[in-house]
Amino acid sequence: YDVVLSPLTLVNLIESGNVMRLLGLVVTCWWTLDLLANFCRGYEEGGAVEMRLQRIACRYLRTWFAVDCTLVVLDWIMVVLESLTSFWSVARTARLARVSVIFRMLRLIRAFKLHKLTGNVRSTVREADTPTALLPVLSWIVGILVLNHVIACFWLLLGQIITDIPSWLDQVKFDYNAFSKGEPSDWYYYATALHWALTQFTPASMEVVPANTYERFFTICTMFFALVLFSSFLASITNAVADFRRKTAEFTKARDALDRFLQENRIPLDLGSRVQTVVSEQYKQMTRARRLHEADVWLLKLLPRSIIEQLRGEVYRETIITHPFIEVMSMYDESILIKLCDRAMSQHSLMPGQDLFIYGKEAHHLYFVVTGKLSYFEGSVASLHASAEVCSGEWMCQQVLFMKWEHCGRTTAL
């Protein structure tokens, strides 16, 4: 709201009707509640999450409280003024209009908090079935559009407040009247300003140019800002596209090698087709895998041994105590549970259709299912119907805790 609608109301493209007043009241209430919630919202410091209310409040008072409190007070002042002018049908004076413009410009300070929203959006997208290569490209495109929207509104505002000297609006109006009758609409001016803003970030050009000193300095500042940002934008898109092409080329090369292997070894058509189908499905599932294990995060290797033990205890504790024997054992000695989590536990992910173990192999592990399901097929002969299903929160192969054991069947991930 503050980044998209506030600039539009700044240049009077959106009238402050009942709907906008109601929306403004809702947004103001939201930021007021957010101001209060920040006194209870924990933060990370020194590798630990601080949840003590006193320290949270002190930190917030030292950082964003003054800005947030000022903006919330200004928002409520705007709500009261707009309600009074609407209720008493009082026309806005020039001074009130200038104050309103200043208050709306100050709302854009909240744009500095967008990095938190970006992190939340990235976490949501990672959990969805969206190709990860598209995420940086889409985020940069949306960011560039929003930034150009704000710049276009300020460019339009600059042309509106300058009345005693020529501005770029006069030039646009002259060119418009040369081909059609009537006055250009406000949205036509905004579209022209947005077009101008986009040309500052790209090698494109257009007929709109600065017409006075103020517009010339604004253009220079915008061009210097765009020079740095656009180079980062191109580099990000180039790297994302190159990474996507590299992964696609690797899969295509591997697929050709698989086809050649099947042909040279004269694999039957039905078996070869099944192999290709399973490989393709496994590759798709592999590219969509989201769950990270300890071995995938190389920064964890920088942690000291004491923190690693504590981290593994938090990761595996709730899973391992679901087994009754381990739960009873941990009641007598908590250190045993910590050692089990640190030295005996590990994580392993399976794709649908992948085997966890097969018949006749010696058993070495007790398995806990964290997410998903497993199908157990009893006996040495492959069966179409599973003997049992192991769901999330359950375990299997507990015999290895007490004796030497060989698997009496096959377990496959669903």
Foldseek 3Di string as FASTA:
>chain_A
DLLFVLLCVLLPVDDCDPVNLVVLVVVLVVLVVVLVCQLQDWDDDPNDIDRDSVVSNVVCVVPCNVLSVVLSVLSVVVSVVVVVCVVVVPDDDPVNSVVVSVSSVSSCVCVVVCVVVLVVVVVVVLLDLDQPLCSVLVVLVVVLLSVLLNQLSVLSVVCVVDDPFDFLLVVVQVVVCVVDDDGDDPVVSSVVSSVCLVVLLDVDDDDGDGDDDVRVVSSVVSNVVSVVSSVVSVVSNVVSVVVVVVVVVVVVVVLVVLVVVCVVVVPDPVVSVVVSVVVVQQVSVVSSDNDDWPVRDVVVVVDDPVVLLVVLCVVCVVQPCLDPVVVVVCVVPVVVSSCCSRPPDGDDDDDAFDWPDAFFAKDDDKDAAAAAKKFWDFARDDDPDGPDMDHHSGIDDPVNVPDTDTDRGIMGTD
